[in-house]
Protein backbone atom coordinates (compact mmCIF):
# COMPACT_ATOMS: atom_id res chain seq x y z
CA UNK A 1 54.80 -66.28 36.91
CA UNK A 2 51.11 -66.51 37.83
CA UNK A 3 48.73 -63.60 37.22
CA UNK A 4 48.69 -62.89 40.97
CA UNK A 5 52.50 -62.86 41.12
CA UNK A 6 52.56 -60.64 38.01
CA UNK A 7 50.10 -58.24 39.66
CA UNK A 8 52.15 -58.11 42.87
CA UNK A 9 55.42 -57.53 41.02
CA UNK A 10 53.95 -54.75 38.86
CA UNK A 11 52.34 -53.09 41.87
CA UNK A 12 55.55 -53.26 43.92
CA UNK A 13 57.69 -51.86 41.10
CA UNK A 14 55.31 -49.12 39.91
CA UNK A 15 54.36 -47.89 43.39
CA UNK A 16 58.03 -47.69 44.44
CA UNK A 17 59.79 -44.35 44.81
CA UNK A 18 62.72 -45.55 42.70
CA UNK A 19 60.40 -46.18 39.74
CA UNK A 20 58.30 -43.02 40.20
CA UNK A 21 61.43 -40.85 40.54
CA UNK A 22 63.04 -42.51 37.49
CA UNK A 23 66.15 -43.47 39.45
CA UNK A 24 68.81 -45.73 37.99
CA UNK A 25 67.89 -45.17 34.33
CA UNK A 26 71.22 -43.64 33.31
CA UNK A 27 69.75 -40.80 31.21
CA UNK A 28 67.48 -43.21 29.33
CA UNK A 29 63.83 -42.38 28.69
CA UNK A 30 61.57 -43.88 31.39
CA UNK A 31 59.87 -46.38 29.06
CA UNK A 32 59.01 -49.84 30.33
CA UNK A 33 57.57 -52.78 28.41
CA UNK A 34 55.23 -55.17 30.21
CA UNK A 35 55.28 -58.18 27.87
CA UNK A 36 52.71 -60.92 28.33
CA UNK A 37 51.57 -64.03 26.53
CA UNK A 38 48.91 -63.05 23.96
CA UNK A 39 46.71 -65.95 25.15
CA UNK A 40 46.47 -64.15 28.50
CA UNK A 41 45.11 -60.89 27.04
CA UNK A 42 41.76 -61.08 28.85
CA UNK A 43 43.47 -61.81 32.17
CA UNK A 44 45.94 -58.97 31.57
CA UNK A 45 43.12 -56.50 30.85
CA UNK A 46 41.57 -57.45 34.17
CA UNK A 47 44.96 -57.20 35.87
CA UNK A 48 45.50 -53.70 34.40
CA UNK A 49 42.15 -52.48 35.78
CA UNK A 50 42.94 -53.93 39.21
CA UNK A 51 46.44 -52.46 39.06
CA UNK A 52 45.12 -48.99 38.22
CA UNK A 53 42.62 -49.20 41.11
CA UNK A 54 45.22 -50.42 43.62
CA UNK A 55 47.78 -47.82 42.53
CA UNK A 56 45.18 -45.05 42.76
CA UNK A 57 44.26 -46.24 46.28
CA UNK A 58 47.97 -46.01 47.16
CA UNK A 59 48.17 -42.43 45.88
CA UNK A 60 49.80 -43.21 42.51
CA UNK A 61 47.82 -41.50 39.74
CA UNK A 62 47.66 -43.45 36.48
CA UNK A 63 46.82 -42.03 33.07
CA UNK A 64 45.71 -44.98 30.94
CA UNK A 65 45.65 -44.53 27.16
CA UNK A 66 44.25 -47.31 25.00
CA UNK A 67 45.73 -46.86 21.51
CA UNK A 68 42.65 -48.37 19.85
CA UNK A 69 40.26 -46.00 21.64
CA UNK A 70 42.58 -43.07 20.93
CA UNK A 71 42.69 -44.00 17.24
CA UNK A 72 38.89 -43.91 17.03
CA UNK A 73 38.87 -40.61 18.93
CA UNK A 74 41.35 -39.13 16.42
CA UNK A 75 39.35 -40.39 13.41
CA UNK A 76 36.11 -38.99 14.86
CA UNK A 77 37.86 -35.70 15.73
CA UNK A 78 39.07 -35.39 12.15
CA UNK A 79 35.50 -36.23 11.02
CA UNK A 80 36.61 -39.20 8.89
CA UNK A 81 35.39 -42.08 11.08
CA UNK A 82 32.21 -42.67 9.02
CA UNK A 83 34.17 -42.46 5.75
CA UNK A 84 36.64 -45.09 7.01
CA UNK A 85 33.76 -47.41 7.94
CA UNK A 86 32.24 -46.96 4.47
CA UNK A 87 35.57 -47.46 2.69
CA UNK A 88 36.37 -50.61 4.66
CA UNK A 89 33.77 -52.53 2.64
CA UNK A 90 35.15 -51.60 -0.75
CA UNK A 91 38.95 -51.52 -0.41
CA UNK A 92 41.53 -54.26 0.12
CA UNK A 93 43.08 -54.86 3.54
CA UNK A 94 46.38 -53.41 2.27
CA UNK A 95 44.65 -50.25 1.01
CA UNK A 96 42.84 -49.85 4.34
CA UNK A 97 46.09 -50.41 6.24
CA UNK A 98 47.85 -47.77 4.13
CA UNK A 99 44.99 -45.31 4.64
CA UNK A 100 44.97 -45.84 8.42
CA UNK A 101 48.77 -45.58 8.62
CA UNK A 102 48.48 -42.17 6.97
CA UNK A 103 45.62 -40.73 9.00
CA UNK A 104 46.95 -42.16 12.29
CA UNK A 105 50.63 -41.46 11.64
CA UNK A 106 52.40 -41.61 15.03
CA UNK A 107 54.49 -38.48 14.41
CA UNK A 108 51.77 -36.31 12.87
CA UNK A 109 48.66 -37.46 14.75
CA UNK A 110 49.10 -40.07 17.48
CA UNK A 111 51.97 -38.54 19.47
CA UNK A 112 50.37 -35.05 19.46
CA UNK A 113 47.08 -36.57 20.69
CA UNK A 114 48.92 -38.38 23.49
CA UNK A 115 50.90 -35.20 24.29
CA UNK A 116 47.61 -33.33 24.63
CA UNK A 117 46.35 -35.88 27.16
CA UNK A 118 49.64 -35.63 29.08
CA UNK A 119 49.22 -31.88 29.48
CA UNK A 120 45.54 -32.02 30.46
CA UNK A 121 45.77 -34.75 33.12
CA UNK A 122 47.57 -34.98 36.45
CA UNK A 123 49.35 -38.34 36.65
CA UNK A 124 52.40 -40.13 38.04
CA UNK A 125 52.65 -42.96 35.51
CA UNK A 126 51.35 -43.46 31.95
CA UNK A 127 49.91 -46.82 30.89
CA UNK A 128 49.73 -47.51 27.13
CA UNK A 129 47.58 -50.46 26.11
CA UNK A 130 45.61 -51.63 23.06
CA UNK A 131 48.84 -52.41 21.16
CA UNK A 132 47.48 -55.64 19.65
CA UNK A 133 44.23 -54.02 18.55
CA UNK A 134 45.97 -51.34 16.46
CA UNK A 135 48.35 -53.71 14.65
CA UNK A 136 49.31 -53.51 11.76
CA UNK A 137 48.44 -49.88 11.08
CA UNK A 138 50.21 -48.63 14.21
CA UNK A 139 53.49 -50.22 15.27
CA UNK A 140 54.53 -50.08 18.91
CA UNK A 141 58.14 -49.07 18.22
CA UNK A 142 56.89 -46.09 16.15
CA UNK A 143 54.70 -44.95 19.03
CA UNK A 144 57.59 -45.17 21.51
CA UNK A 145 60.03 -43.44 19.14
CA UNK A 146 57.63 -40.54 18.69
CA UNK A 147 56.96 -40.21 22.41
CA UNK A 148 60.63 -39.97 23.44
CA UNK A 149 60.57 -36.17 23.58
CA UNK A 150 56.97 -35.88 24.78
CA UNK A 151 56.56 -38.52 27.48
CA UNK A 152 59.90 -38.38 29.24
CA UNK A 153 58.82 -36.57 32.42
CA UNK A 154 56.93 -39.52 33.94
CA UNK A 155 57.39 -43.29 33.62
CA UNK A 156 55.52 -44.95 30.75
CA UNK A 157 54.48 -48.61 30.83
CA UNK A 158 53.44 -50.23 27.55
CA UNK A 159 51.43 -53.44 27.96
CA UNK A 160 52.63 -55.61 25.10
CA UNK A 161 51.04 -58.90 23.92
CA UNK A 162 54.23 -60.68 22.96
CA UNK A 163 57.90 -60.77 23.86
CA UNK A 164 60.44 -58.04 24.49
CA UNK A 165 63.84 -59.62 24.14
CA UNK A 166 67.44 -58.46 24.40
CA UNK A 167 70.38 -60.37 23.03
CA UNK A 168 73.94 -59.41 22.14
CA UNK A 169 73.57 -60.86 18.63
CA UNK A 170 70.30 -59.26 17.57
CA UNK A 171 69.86 -56.38 20.01
CA UNK A 172 66.40 -55.70 21.41
CA UNK A 173 63.16 -56.48 19.67
CA UNK A 174 59.43 -56.31 20.22
CA UNK A 175 57.83 -59.50 18.91
CA UNK A 176 54.10 -58.94 18.73
CA UNK A 177 51.93 -61.98 19.52
CA UNK A 178 55.18 -63.94 19.92
CA UNK A 179 55.30 -64.29 16.11
CA UNK A 180 55.58 -60.95 14.36
CA UNK A 181 59.09 -59.61 14.66
CA UNK A 182 58.83 -55.85 15.00
CA UNK A 183 61.64 -53.44 14.27
CA UNK A 184 64.33 -53.11 16.85
CA UNK A 185 63.63 -50.91 19.84
CA UNK A 186 66.41 -50.43 22.38
CA UNK A 187 65.33 -47.66 24.68
CA UNK A 188 62.82 -49.40 26.94
CA UNK A 189 63.30 -51.58 29.98
CA UNK A 190 61.52 -54.86 30.58
CA UNK A 191 59.49 -54.13 33.70
CA UNK A 192 59.93 -57.71 34.89
CA UNK A 193 63.68 -57.05 35.14
CA UNK A 194 63.10 -54.09 37.48
CA UNK A 195 63.44 -54.50 41.20
CA UNK A 196 60.74 -53.27 43.54
């Protein structure tokens, strides 16, 4: 599928009443994965901006949360951003990863920060992006698991640089960058399998 066809499909699905009213989900949370080839990240960022603009012009309000930007916002809010930058020079990558996993824990810090944005903004659909930039200290399946009770009122689309696959043998999995097999996550729908 070309970028233009991708754009048109996403626009048609997301702007549709069926999608916005969460119809046909069978009591599942309204989480959708938009997987894309990691090599197309720059094109997808451009597509996301165009998609937000076109949806807004059509009356569909989008709340876009970049997980990388939100992580920095959380660290600055907790007044530890400068300390992290200083520490980065003197600790191993594993120590830094462990530190960031603690201070940006999805349950304790990330999900509450997202929940706060959900209550302070008017929106029809939530876009989550920046998944690749926060790996490995934030894992996409952890974010989605911790948002299940918070972000269930409106559809959520996670832009994912990799593959989201379903098979009878192995279940569903998020494979970041097409290489890193993430833990299983079953509760989202592949947006490319949705009809407009």
